[in-house]
N, C-alpha and C. Protein backbone atom coordinates (compact mmCIF):
# COMPACT_ATOMS: atom_id res chain seq x y z
N MET A 1 31.06 10.76 74.33
CA MET A 1 29.67 10.51 74.52
C MET A 1 29.97 9.15 75.20
N GLU A 2 29.09 9.83 76.61
CA GLU A 2 28.19 9.24 78.13
C GLU A 2 27.69 7.87 77.66
N LEU A 3 27.88 6.86 78.32
CA LEU A 3 26.62 5.88 78.89
C LEU A 3 25.94 5.47 80.20
N ALA A 4 24.80 5.62 80.60
CA ALA A 4 25.38 5.33 82.22
C ALA A 4 24.93 3.55 81.87
N VAL A 5 26.39 3.32 83.12
CA VAL A 5 25.37 1.54 83.75
C VAL A 5 25.03 1.29 84.19
N ILE A 6 23.90 0.16 83.32
CA ILE A 6 23.17 -0.12 84.77
C ILE A 6 23.66 -1.49 85.22
N ASN A 7 22.68 -1.69 85.97
CA ASN A 7 23.14 -3.48 87.14
C ASN A 7 22.59 -4.27 86.96
N HIS A 8 22.13 -5.42 87.20
CA HIS A 8 21.93 -6.86 86.46
C HIS A 8 20.59 -6.96 87.15
N GLN A 9 19.64 -5.41 87.71
CA GLN A 9 17.89 -5.87 87.04
C GLN A 9 17.88 -3.94 86.29
N GLY A 10 18.48 -3.81 85.60
CA GLY A 10 18.38 -2.91 84.53
C GLY A 10 17.96 -1.64 84.96
N GLN A 11 18.97 -1.46 85.82
CA GLN A 11 18.71 -0.13 86.75
C GLN A 11 19.81 0.44 86.82
N ASP A 12 19.51 1.95 86.75
CA ASP A 12 20.71 2.95 86.75
C ASP A 12 21.76 2.77 88.15
N THR A 13 23.18 2.33 87.46
CA THR A 13 23.64 2.51 88.76
C THR A 13 24.43 3.59 89.23
N GLY A 14 24.04 5.22 88.45
CA GLY A 14 24.69 6.30 88.30
C GLY A 14 25.79 6.38 88.15
N ARG A 15 26.38 5.30 87.40
CA ARG A 15 28.16 5.91 87.01
C ARG A 15 27.47 5.95 85.91
N LYS A 16 28.66 6.42 84.84
CA LYS A 16 29.09 7.04 83.18
C LYS A 16 30.00 6.07 83.20
N VAL A 17 29.94 5.80 81.54
CA VAL A 17 31.26 5.25 81.60
C VAL A 17 31.36 6.09 79.67
N THR A 18 32.62 6.67 79.53
CA THR A 18 32.70 7.73 78.34
C THR A 18 33.14 6.44 77.34
N LEU A 19 32.41 6.85 75.63
CA LEU A 19 33.02 5.93 74.78
C LEU A 19 33.30 6.66 73.76
N SER A 20 34.83 5.95 73.40
CA SER A 20 35.79 6.55 72.54
C SER A 20 34.70 7.53 71.42
N ASP A 21 34.75 8.12 70.83
CA ASP A 21 34.48 9.31 68.77
C ASP A 21 34.85 7.91 68.07
N GLU A 22 36.17 7.28 68.26
CA GLU A 22 36.37 6.96 66.67
C GLU A 22 36.26 5.73 66.98
N ILE A 23 35.97 4.94 68.32
CA ILE A 23 35.84 3.95 68.22
C ILE A 23 33.65 3.80 67.99
N PHE A 24 33.68 3.96 68.14
CA PHE A 24 31.77 3.98 68.59
C PHE A 24 31.01 5.50 68.30
N ALA A 25 31.14 5.85 67.57
CA ALA A 25 31.22 6.96 67.11
C ALA A 25 31.69 7.33 65.84
N ILE A 26 31.74 6.02 64.62
CA ILE A 26 32.76 7.21 62.92
C ILE A 26 31.30 6.91 62.40
N GLU A 27 31.56 8.02 60.83
CA GLU A 27 30.84 6.91 60.02
C GLU A 27 31.44 5.37 59.53
N PRO A 28 29.52 4.23 59.79
CA PRO A 28 29.68 3.56 59.03
C PRO A 28 30.23 2.70 57.85
N ASN A 29 31.23 2.13 57.42
CA ASN A 29 31.73 1.97 56.41
C ASN A 29 30.79 0.42 56.36
N ASP A 30 29.86 0.17 54.86
CA ASP A 30 29.27 -1.03 54.67
C ASP A 30 30.38 -1.94 53.77
N ASN A 31 31.18 -1.00 52.52
CA ASN A 31 32.46 -2.33 52.05
C ASN A 31 32.72 -2.98 52.98
N ALA A 32 33.66 -2.26 54.04
CA ALA A 32 34.36 -2.90 55.10
C ALA A 32 33.40 -2.97 56.01
N ILE A 33 32.16 -3.58 56.19
CA ILE A 33 31.37 -4.42 56.53
C ILE A 33 31.10 -5.77 56.26
N TYR A 34 30.69 -5.53 55.51
CA TYR A 34 30.45 -6.34 53.93
C TYR A 34 31.44 -7.53 53.41
N LEU A 35 32.93 -6.88 53.25
CA LEU A 35 33.89 -7.40 53.31
C LEU A 35 34.44 -8.38 53.90
N ASP A 36 34.09 -7.65 55.28
CA ASP A 36 34.19 -8.69 56.85
C ASP A 36 32.79 -9.96 56.85
N VAL A 37 31.91 -10.30 56.70
CA VAL A 37 31.09 -10.68 57.69
C VAL A 37 31.58 -12.16 56.20
N LYS A 38 31.16 -11.70 55.21
CA LYS A 38 32.36 -12.28 54.04
C LYS A 38 33.41 -13.80 53.94
N GLN A 39 34.12 -12.37 54.67
CA GLN A 39 35.03 -13.78 55.09
C GLN A 39 34.68 -14.60 55.81
N TYR A 40 33.76 -14.46 57.45
CA TYR A 40 32.94 -15.54 58.49
C TYR A 40 33.19 -16.33 57.76
N LEU A 41 31.82 -15.43 57.15
CA LEU A 41 30.51 -16.71 56.72
C LEU A 41 32.01 -18.00 56.09
N ALA A 42 32.80 -17.30 55.43
CA ALA A 42 33.28 -18.17 53.85
C ALA A 42 34.48 -19.19 54.53
N ASN A 43 35.57 -19.01 55.85
CA ASN A 43 35.83 -19.40 57.16
C ASN A 43 34.96 -20.29 57.11
N GLN A 44 34.09 -20.73 57.51
CA GLN A 44 32.96 -21.85 58.21
C GLN A 44 32.44 -22.91 57.22
N ARG A 45 33.09 -22.25 56.08
CA ARG A 45 31.99 -23.26 55.30
C ARG A 45 33.62 -24.11 54.95
N GLN A 46 33.34 -25.55 55.15
CA GLN A 46 34.09 -27.00 55.01
C GLN A 46 35.11 -26.90 53.60
N GLY A 47 33.74 -26.73 52.45
CA GLY A 47 34.82 -27.43 51.08
C GLY A 47 34.90 -28.58 50.81
N THR A 48 34.12 -29.93 51.69
CA THR A 48 34.47 -30.78 51.32
C THR A 48 33.69 -31.67 50.47
N HIS A 49 32.70 -30.52 49.34
CA HIS A 49 31.51 -31.28 48.88
C HIS A 49 32.76 -31.86 47.52
N LYS A 50 32.58 -32.84 47.23
CA LYS A 50 32.95 -33.31 45.46
C LYS A 50 31.51 -34.42 44.89
N SER A 51 31.70 -34.05 44.16
CA SER A 51 31.53 -35.14 43.01
C SER A 51 31.90 -35.32 41.88
N LYS A 52 32.13 -36.73 41.09
CA LYS A 52 32.77 -37.66 40.54
C LYS A 52 32.53 -37.39 39.40
N GLU A 53 33.40 -37.33 38.14
CA GLU A 53 33.58 -36.88 35.91
C GLU A 53 34.05 -38.24 35.85
N ARG A 54 33.35 -38.27 34.84
CA ARG A 54 33.97 -39.52 34.02
C ARG A 54 34.80 -40.10 34.24
N ASN A 55 35.51 -39.59 34.97
CA ASN A 55 37.44 -40.53 34.98
C ASN A 55 37.19 -41.52 35.85
N GLU A 56 36.73 -40.46 36.91
CA GLU A 56 36.14 -41.15 38.28
C GLU A 56 35.44 -42.72 38.88
N VAL A 57 34.21 -42.16 37.40
CA VAL A 57 32.95 -43.53 38.53
C VAL A 57 33.18 -44.75 37.49
N ALA A 58 33.00 -46.05 38.48
CA ALA A 58 33.55 -47.31 38.62
C ALA A 58 32.46 -48.15 36.74
N GLY A 59 32.90 -48.47 36.01
CA GLY A 59 32.32 -49.29 35.22
C GLY A 59 33.23 -49.34 34.15
N SER A 60 32.81 -49.98 32.96
CA SER A 60 33.40 -50.48 31.54
C SER A 60 33.35 -49.72 30.76
N THR A 61 34.64 -49.11 30.54
CA THR A 61 34.39 -47.90 29.20
C THR A 61 34.43 -48.86 27.68
N LYS A 62 33.86 -49.88 27.48
CA LYS A 62 33.15 -50.64 25.91
C LYS A 62 32.33 -49.22 25.61
N LYS A 63 32.79 -49.41 24.00
CA LYS A 63 31.38 -48.64 23.52
C LYS A 63 30.10 -49.27 23.46
N ILE A 64 29.04 -48.24 23.67
CA ILE A 64 28.22 -49.33 24.53
C ILE A 64 27.01 -49.86 22.14
N LYS A 65 27.54 -49.74 22.06
CA LYS A 65 26.14 -49.78 20.48
C LYS A 65 27.25 -49.27 19.61
N LYS A 66 26.93 -49.55 18.09
CA LYS A 66 27.78 -49.62 16.77
C LYS A 66 27.71 -47.97 16.50
N GLN A 67 28.64 -47.27 15.82
CA GLN A 67 28.93 -45.66 16.14
C GLN A 67 27.97 -45.51 14.92
N LYS A 68 27.36 -46.26 13.53
CA LYS A 68 26.49 -45.90 13.03
C LYS A 68 25.31 -47.05 12.53
N GLY A 69 24.20 -46.64 12.08
CA GLY A 69 23.42 -47.13 11.64
C GLY A 69 21.56 -48.02 13.10
N THR A 70 21.90 -47.48 13.74
CA THR A 70 20.88 -47.46 14.92
C THR A 70 19.63 -46.34 14.93
N GLY A 71 20.16 -45.45 14.12
CA GLY A 71 19.47 -44.04 14.05
C GLY A 71 18.72 -44.32 15.30
N GLY A 72 19.93 -43.73 16.44
CA GLY A 72 19.86 -42.67 17.53
C GLY A 72 21.16 -42.06 18.05
N ALA A 73 21.66 -41.43 18.80
CA ALA A 73 23.07 -40.84 17.95
C ALA A 73 23.78 -41.61 18.94
N ARG A 74 25.34 -41.22 18.55
CA ARG A 74 26.43 -42.23 18.71
C ARG A 74 26.49 -42.21 20.08
N ALA A 75 27.12 -42.49 20.80
CA ALA A 75 27.04 -43.13 22.33
C ALA A 75 28.29 -43.55 22.00
N GLY A 76 29.69 -43.54 23.46
CA GLY A 76 30.74 -44.46 23.71
C GLY A 76 29.90 -45.13 25.02
N SER A 77 30.93 -44.62 26.25
CA SER A 77 31.08 -45.11 27.66
C SER A 77 29.78 -44.86 28.35
N LEU A 78 29.23 -46.46 28.63
CA LEU A 78 28.73 -45.46 29.49
C LEU A 78 28.62 -44.75 30.37
N LYS A 79 30.09 -44.86 31.25
CA LYS A 79 30.35 -42.88 31.98
C LYS A 79 29.50 -41.55 31.71
N SER A 80 29.52 -41.77 30.22
CA SER A 80 29.14 -40.59 30.06
C SER A 80 28.20 -39.28 30.93
N PRO A 81 29.06 -38.59 30.91
CA PRO A 81 27.15 -37.33 31.70
C PRO A 81 26.04 -37.37 31.41
N LEU A 82 25.56 -38.19 30.25
CA LEU A 82 24.02 -37.61 29.45
C LEU A 82 23.08 -38.88 29.70
N PHE A 83 24.62 -40.44 30.40
CA PHE A 83 23.10 -41.22 31.24
C PHE A 83 23.40 -42.07 31.79
N ARG A 84 21.72 -41.77 32.78
CA ARG A 84 22.63 -42.13 34.30
C ARG A 84 23.08 -42.69 34.88
N GLY A 85 23.64 -42.50 36.12
CA GLY A 85 24.80 -43.24 36.64
C GLY A 85 26.35 -42.76 35.92
N GLY A 86 26.20 -42.28 35.21
CA GLY A 86 27.65 -41.52 34.17
C GLY A 86 28.12 -40.64 35.48
N GLY A 87 29.00 -40.04 34.93
CA GLY A 87 29.96 -38.46 35.96
C GLY A 87 29.46 -37.14 35.23
N ARG A 88 29.81 -36.41 36.49
CA ARG A 88 28.61 -35.28 36.34
C ARG A 88 29.85 -34.19 36.31
N VAL A 89 29.09 -33.10 34.74
CA VAL A 89 30.24 -32.38 34.19
C VAL A 89 31.00 -30.42 34.98
N PHE A 90 32.26 -30.73 35.54
CA PHE A 90 32.13 -29.09 36.16
C PHE A 90 32.05 -29.04 37.28
N GLY A 91 32.14 -31.28 37.99
CA GLY A 91 31.22 -30.76 39.67
C GLY A 91 32.27 -30.56 40.78
N PRO A 92 31.12 -30.53 41.58
CA PRO A 92 31.97 -29.00 42.98
C PRO A 92 33.59 -29.86 43.22
N LYS A 93 34.83 -29.68 43.38
CA LYS A 93 35.62 -30.63 44.39
C LYS A 93 35.68 -29.62 45.38
N PRO A 94 37.11 -30.02 46.17
CA PRO A 94 37.08 -29.62 47.38
C PRO A 94 38.54 -28.67 47.31
N ARG A 95 37.93 -27.80 48.32
CA ARG A 95 38.52 -26.22 48.29
C ARG A 95 39.05 -25.60 49.14
N ASP A 96 38.89 -24.62 49.25
CA ASP A 96 39.68 -24.73 51.02
C ASP A 96 38.56 -22.39 49.76
N TYR A 97 38.06 -21.96 51.24
CA TYR A 97 36.41 -21.23 50.84
C TYR A 97 37.60 -19.48 51.29
N SER A 98 38.20 -19.82 51.85
CA SER A 98 38.57 -18.13 53.10
C SER A 98 39.60 -17.62 51.58
N PHE A 99 39.65 -16.82 52.39
CA PHE A 99 40.59 -15.87 52.25
C PHE A 99 41.20 -14.82 52.56
N LYS A 100 41.78 -13.57 52.79
CA LYS A 100 42.46 -12.93 53.72
C LYS A 100 41.94 -11.02 53.07
N LEU A 101 41.89 -10.80 54.27
CA LEU A 101 41.44 -8.76 54.95
C LEU A 101 42.63 -8.77 55.56
N ASN A 102 43.16 -7.10 55.15
CA ASN A 102 44.29 -6.39 56.26
C ASN A 102 43.31 -6.45 57.06
N LYS A 103 44.61 -6.22 57.96
CA LYS A 103 44.06 -6.31 59.90
C LYS A 103 43.11 -4.80 60.24
N LYS A 104 43.46 -3.56 59.54
CA LYS A 104 42.93 -2.48 60.05
C LYS A 104 41.62 -2.87 59.27
N LEU A 105 41.12 -3.68 57.77
CA LEU A 105 39.93 -3.12 56.95
C LEU A 105 39.36 -3.80 58.48
N LYS A 106 39.52 -4.72 59.09
CA LYS A 106 38.89 -5.58 59.93
C LYS A 106 38.83 -4.89 61.42
N GLN A 107 39.71 -4.24 61.21
CA GLN A 107 38.69 -3.12 62.38
C GLN A 107 38.40 -1.70 62.18
N LEU A 108 38.19 -1.74 61.18
CA LEU A 108 36.99 -0.75 60.89
C LEU A 108 36.02 -1.27 60.20
N ALA A 109 35.96 -2.40 60.07
CA ALA A 109 34.71 -3.11 60.37
C ALA A 109 33.74 -3.05 61.13
N ARG A 110 34.05 -3.27 62.29
CA ARG A 110 34.20 -3.70 63.74
C ARG A 110 33.41 -2.31 63.91
N LYS A 111 34.10 -1.53 63.84
CA LYS A 111 34.19 -0.21 64.45
C LYS A 111 32.76 0.45 64.06
N SER A 112 32.79 0.45 62.56
CA SER A 112 31.29 0.35 61.77
C SER A 112 30.47 -0.67 62.14
N ALA A 113 30.10 -1.22 62.60
CA ALA A 113 29.64 -2.90 63.02
C ALA A 113 28.91 -1.98 64.61
N LEU A 114 29.88 -1.56 66.01
CA LEU A 114 29.58 -1.04 66.70
C LEU A 114 28.79 0.19 67.13
N SER A 115 29.29 1.50 65.72
CA SER A 115 28.33 2.36 65.53
C SER A 115 27.20 2.63 65.19
N TYR A 116 27.68 1.47 64.50
CA TYR A 116 25.98 1.18 64.14
C TYR A 116 24.88 1.04 65.21
N LYS A 117 25.45 0.21 66.86
CA LYS A 117 24.76 -0.21 67.60
C LYS A 117 24.06 0.68 68.42
N VAL A 118 25.58 1.77 67.77
CA VAL A 118 24.67 3.15 68.73
C VAL A 118 24.20 3.68 68.77
N LYS A 119 24.03 4.46 67.16
CA LYS A 119 22.61 5.43 66.27
C LYS A 119 21.76 4.49 66.92
N ASP A 120 21.66 2.57 66.75
CA ASP A 120 20.08 2.71 66.49
C ASP A 120 19.73 2.45 68.23
N ASN A 121 20.40 2.77 69.52
CA ASN A 121 20.48 3.05 70.36
C ASN A 121 20.08 1.37 70.71
N SER A 122 21.02 0.20 70.62
CA SER A 122 21.03 -1.04 70.65
C SER A 122 22.30 -1.13 71.28
N LEU A 123 22.35 -0.51 72.23
CA LEU A 123 23.91 -0.97 73.32
C LEU A 123 23.74 -0.54 74.03
N VAL A 124 24.36 -1.38 75.01
CA VAL A 124 24.13 -0.63 77.21
C VAL A 124 24.90 -1.87 77.43
N VAL A 125 25.85 -0.85 78.76
CA VAL A 125 26.62 -1.28 79.31
C VAL A 125 26.15 -1.47 80.74
N LEU A 126 27.40 -2.73 81.49
CA LEU A 126 26.96 -3.47 81.98
C LEU A 126 27.13 -3.38 82.74
N GLU A 127 27.22 -2.90 84.71
CA GLU A 127 28.01 -3.80 85.86
C GLU A 127 28.70 -5.04 85.70
N ASP A 128 29.90 -5.52 85.16
CA ASP A 128 30.49 -6.98 85.50
C ASP A 128 30.39 -7.64 86.24
N LEU A 129 29.76 -8.89 85.68
CA LEU A 129 28.87 -9.89 85.66
C LEU A 129 29.40 -10.94 85.96
N SER A 130 29.10 -11.58 87.66
CA SER A 130 29.91 -13.39 87.54
C SER A 130 28.73 -13.76 87.50
N PHE A 131 28.72 -15.45 88.12
CA PHE A 131 27.51 -16.27 87.87
C PHE A 131 27.60 -17.43 89.85
N GLU A 132 27.71 -17.46 90.59
CA GLU A 132 28.85 -19.02 91.45
C GLU A 132 28.25 -20.42 90.75
N ALA A 133 26.93 -20.34 89.94
CA ALA A 133 27.45 -21.14 89.40
C ALA A 133 26.53 -21.52 88.03
N PRO A 134 27.33 -22.06 87.32
CA PRO A 134 26.14 -21.82 86.06
C PRO A 134 24.53 -22.55 85.77
N LYS A 135 24.44 -21.31 85.70
CA LYS A 135 22.41 -21.86 86.03
C LYS A 135 21.90 -20.50 84.50
N THR A 136 20.86 -21.76 83.81
CA THR A 136 20.32 -20.95 83.50
C THR A 136 19.01 -20.27 83.67
N LYS A 137 18.76 -20.28 84.56
CA LYS A 137 18.06 -19.46 85.54
C LYS A 137 18.18 -17.80 85.57
N SER A 138 19.96 -18.14 86.15
CA SER A 138 20.62 -16.52 86.18
C SER A 138 20.60 -15.31 85.15
N TYR A 139 21.45 -16.98 84.50
CA TYR A 139 21.03 -15.74 82.73
C TYR A 139 19.84 -14.92 82.38
N LEU A 140 18.86 -15.53 82.45
CA LEU A 140 17.60 -15.82 81.94
C LEU A 140 17.43 -14.45 83.15
N ALA A 141 17.34 -14.37 84.13
CA ALA A 141 17.06 -13.02 85.11
C ALA A 141 17.43 -12.19 84.92
N LEU A 142 19.04 -12.91 84.43
CA LEU A 142 19.43 -11.14 83.72
C LEU A 142 18.66 -9.99 82.74
N LEU A 143 18.45 -11.37 81.72
CA LEU A 143 17.65 -10.93 80.54
C LEU A 143 16.78 -10.48 81.01
N ASN A 144 15.49 -10.93 81.90
CA ASN A 144 14.57 -10.18 82.20
C ASN A 144 14.42 -8.59 82.67
N GLY A 145 15.91 -8.95 83.46
CA GLY A 145 15.39 -7.62 84.16
C GLY A 145 16.09 -6.11 83.05
N LEU A 146 17.17 -7.07 82.29
CA LEU A 146 17.80 -6.08 80.49
C LEU A 146 15.98 -5.92 80.09
N ALA A 147 14.85 -6.16 80.06
CA ALA A 147 14.28 -6.14 79.52
C ALA A 147 14.61 -6.94 77.93
N LEU A 148 15.20 -8.16 77.92
CA LEU A 148 15.57 -8.11 77.00
C LEU A 148 15.64 -10.06 76.32
N ALA A 149 14.76 -10.71 77.23
CA ALA A 149 14.71 -11.42 77.16
C ALA A 149 13.98 -13.17 75.52
N ASP A 150 13.10 -11.39 75.11
CA ASP A 150 12.79 -12.54 73.18
C ASP A 150 13.37 -11.59 72.66
N LYS A 151 14.35 -11.00 73.02
CA LYS A 151 15.22 -10.52 71.93
C LYS A 151 17.22 -11.28 71.29
N LYS A 152 17.28 -10.80 70.71
CA LYS A 152 18.90 -11.96 70.11
C LYS A 152 20.00 -11.13 71.03
N THR A 153 21.01 -11.32 71.83
CA THR A 153 22.08 -10.59 72.63
C THR A 153 23.20 -11.26 72.35
N LEU A 154 23.64 -10.26 72.25
CA LEU A 154 24.97 -10.20 72.27
C LEU A 154 25.85 -9.91 73.37
N LEU A 155 26.57 -10.73 74.34
CA LEU A 155 26.66 -10.46 76.42
C LEU A 155 28.90 -9.87 75.65
N VAL A 156 29.63 -8.82 76.03
CA VAL A 156 30.64 -9.21 75.78
C VAL A 156 32.00 -9.25 77.35
N LEU A 157 32.20 -10.37 77.45
CA LEU A 157 32.72 -10.06 78.22
C LEU A 157 34.07 -9.88 78.56
N PRO A 158 34.83 -9.07 79.48
CA PRO A 158 36.01 -8.69 79.92
C PRO A 158 37.10 -10.28 79.55
N GLU A 159 36.91 -11.19 80.30
CA GLU A 159 37.49 -11.87 80.26
C GLU A 159 36.62 -13.31 80.22
N ASP A 160 37.23 -14.04 79.80
CA ASP A 160 36.31 -15.71 80.55
C ASP A 160 36.06 -16.40 81.70
N ASN A 161 35.05 -16.15 81.46
CA ASN A 161 33.73 -16.36 82.57
C ASN A 161 33.25 -17.98 82.28
N LYS A 162 33.33 -18.66 82.36
CA LYS A 162 32.97 -20.22 82.89
C LYS A 162 31.74 -20.17 83.12
N ASN A 163 31.22 -19.27 83.78
CA ASN A 163 29.91 -19.77 85.22
C ASN A 163 28.71 -18.90 83.77
N VAL A 164 28.87 -17.87 83.20
CA VAL A 164 28.19 -17.25 82.79
C VAL A 164 28.10 -17.49 81.14
N PHE A 165 29.01 -18.24 80.10
CA PHE A 165 29.50 -18.60 79.11
C PHE A 165 28.09 -20.12 78.98
N LEU A 166 28.39 -21.12 80.14
CA LEU A 166 27.37 -21.96 80.58
C LEU A 166 26.11 -21.48 80.95
N SER A 167 25.67 -20.83 81.47
CA SER A 167 24.31 -19.96 82.35
C SER A 167 23.47 -19.76 80.30
N SER A 168 24.06 -19.65 79.24
CA SER A 168 23.94 -19.05 78.17
C SER A 168 24.18 -19.54 77.25
N ARG A 169 24.16 -20.88 76.82
CA ARG A 169 24.31 -21.95 76.23
C ARG A 169 23.38 -22.54 75.55
N ASN A 170 22.33 -22.74 76.60
CA ASN A 170 20.92 -23.60 76.49
C ASN A 170 19.96 -22.35 76.02
N LEU A 171 20.10 -20.89 75.58
CA LEU A 171 18.96 -19.80 75.11
C LEU A 171 20.23 -19.25 73.46
N PRO A 172 18.82 -19.81 73.01
CA PRO A 172 19.21 -20.12 70.86
C PRO A 172 19.88 -18.66 70.90
N LYS A 173 19.00 -18.26 71.62
CA LYS A 173 19.21 -15.60 71.22
C LYS A 173 19.79 -15.32 71.56
N ALA A 174 20.13 -16.59 72.49
CA ALA A 174 21.47 -15.64 74.11
C ALA A 174 23.24 -16.05 73.27
N LYS A 175 24.13 -14.95 72.85
CA LYS A 175 25.07 -15.39 72.47
C LYS A 175 26.30 -14.61 73.67
N VAL A 176 27.20 -15.22 74.77
CA VAL A 176 28.58 -14.61 75.05
C VAL A 176 29.34 -15.13 74.77
N VAL A 177 30.80 -13.83 74.42
CA VAL A 177 32.10 -13.63 73.97
C VAL A 177 33.02 -13.26 74.90
N THR A 178 34.12 -13.33 74.29
CA THR A 178 35.17 -12.62 75.02
C THR A 178 35.47 -11.48 74.21
N VAL A 179 35.30 -10.22 74.91
CA VAL A 179 35.72 -8.91 74.27
C VAL A 179 37.43 -9.63 73.22
N ASN A 180 38.31 -10.52 72.47
CA ASN A 180 39.07 -11.13 72.49
C ASN A 180 37.83 -11.69 71.02
N ASP A 181 37.32 -12.02 71.14
CA ASP A 181 36.98 -13.11 70.04
C ASP A 181 35.26 -12.46 69.74
N VAL A 182 34.90 -11.70 70.01
CA VAL A 182 34.75 -9.89 69.07
C VAL A 182 34.14 -10.29 67.23
N ASN A 183 33.53 -10.65 67.22
CA ASN A 183 33.45 -10.19 64.70
C ASN A 183 32.35 -9.64 65.29
N THR A 184 32.89 -8.89 63.04
CA THR A 184 31.98 -7.93 62.74
C THR A 184 30.04 -8.87 62.73
N TYR A 185 30.36 -10.03 62.26
CA TYR A 185 29.12 -10.70 62.15
C TYR A 185 28.18 -10.81 63.29
N GLN A 186 29.04 -11.18 64.99
CA GLN A 186 28.38 -11.94 65.35
C GLN A 186 27.38 -10.49 66.21
N LEU A 187 28.73 -9.47 65.85
CA LEU A 187 27.72 -7.83 66.15
C LEU A 187 26.86 -7.52 65.96
N LEU A 188 26.28 -7.51 64.54
CA LEU A 188 24.95 -7.18 64.34
C LEU A 188 23.88 -8.61 63.91
N HIS A 189 24.66 -9.65 63.95
CA HIS A 189 23.25 -9.88 63.93
C HIS A 189 22.71 -10.42 65.17
N ALA A 190 22.34 -9.61 66.71
CA ALA A 190 22.64 -9.02 67.38
C ALA A 190 21.37 -8.65 67.40
N ASP A 191 20.54 -8.53 68.07
CA ASP A 191 19.49 -6.78 68.05
C ASP A 191 19.91 -6.18 69.16
N HIS A 192 20.58 -6.76 70.44
CA HIS A 192 21.54 -5.66 71.66
C HIS A 192 22.80 -6.60 71.78
N LEU A 193 23.23 -5.40 72.00
CA LEU A 193 24.74 -5.42 71.95
C LEU A 193 25.22 -4.56 73.64
N VAL A 194 25.56 -6.03 74.51
CA VAL A 194 25.16 -5.71 76.58
C VAL A 194 27.37 -5.46 76.78
N LEU A 195 27.40 -4.75 76.54
CA LEU A 195 28.45 -5.04 77.12
C LEU A 195 29.11 -4.13 78.43
N CYS A 196 29.84 -5.47 79.06
CA CYS A 196 30.32 -5.72 80.43
C CYS A 196 31.57 -3.70 80.68
N GLU A 197 31.11 -3.41 82.03
CA GLU A 197 31.58 -1.74 82.06
C GLU A 197 33.07 -2.68 82.20
N GLY A 198 33.78 -3.49 82.14
CA GLY A 198 35.37 -3.56 82.08
C GLY A 198 36.07 -3.40 80.56
N SER A 199 34.68 -4.50 79.61
CA SER A 199 35.14 -4.92 78.41
C SER A 199 35.75 -3.33 77.46
N VAL A 200 35.21 -2.28 77.96
CA VAL A 200 34.39 -0.85 77.24
C VAL A 200 36.32 -0.54 77.44
N SER A 201 36.80 -0.55 77.68
CA SER A 201 37.47 -0.01 78.03
C SER A 201 39.71 -0.84 77.15
N LYS A 202 39.15 -2.80 77.48
CA LYS A 202 39.71 -3.18 77.07
C LYS A 202 39.17 -3.41 75.36
N LEU A 203 38.07 -2.86 74.54
CA LEU A 203 37.66 -3.11 73.13
C LEU A 203 38.73 -2.02 72.73
N GLU A 204 38.65 -1.07 73.75
CA GLU A 204 38.85 0.75 72.59
C GLU A 204 40.35 0.17 72.37
N THR A 205 40.86 -1.19 73.35
CA THR A 205 42.43 -0.57 73.05
C THR A 205 43.24 -2.05 72.21
N ILE A 206 42.13 -2.76 72.00
CA ILE A 206 41.76 -3.58 70.42
C ILE A 206 41.57 -2.79 69.59
N LEU A 207 40.97 -2.35 69.25
CA LEU A 207 40.43 -1.47 68.08
C LEU A 207 41.47 -0.30 68.09
N SER A 208 42.09 0.29 68.41
CA SER A 208 42.88 1.14 68.55
C SER A 208 44.37 0.75 67.87
N LYS A 209 45.07 -0.51 67.92
CA LYS A 209 45.94 -0.82 67.72
C LYS A 209 46.35 -0.18 66.19
């Protein structure tokens, strides 16, 4: 499969890049995508939630009224979950939400997400990009040239470029990552995927290991 390489103004450069069918044209596996996204979102959770159970609430354990003869239900400690200010039954406790997934399954998920982008015509190959200084205006001009200023975009760089990253940081719908950091959630969250020309071969190398 071949895609035209476009310049920063959105015009065809006349060059074409060949995309591997084993990476960009597979039959997407929705279950692999689901598991990989689930793991990503689980890893974002701090897991620091905590509520006090009855043995952790401060207060007296004295029996608050006699057992019989009051006409009401029997009651012991004020820490009972039945009373205001008492402990909570089966409340949340700190825990780790992360879980393990096989490397091959995570690769399959990313290949599936990339294949969906190609099917939806949401993949653009851009000539390699670099800014002299970090300026939001420069990145916005790039998006306007690609007619993607009002879309959620993910730009994948072949290597770390601080000026490009800082230029995009103030734009809420723009996200910039290096080819080593791209994940399934980011691929699916973006409306359009913009691959720098140098990122294609690196991405294929990573996903074919």
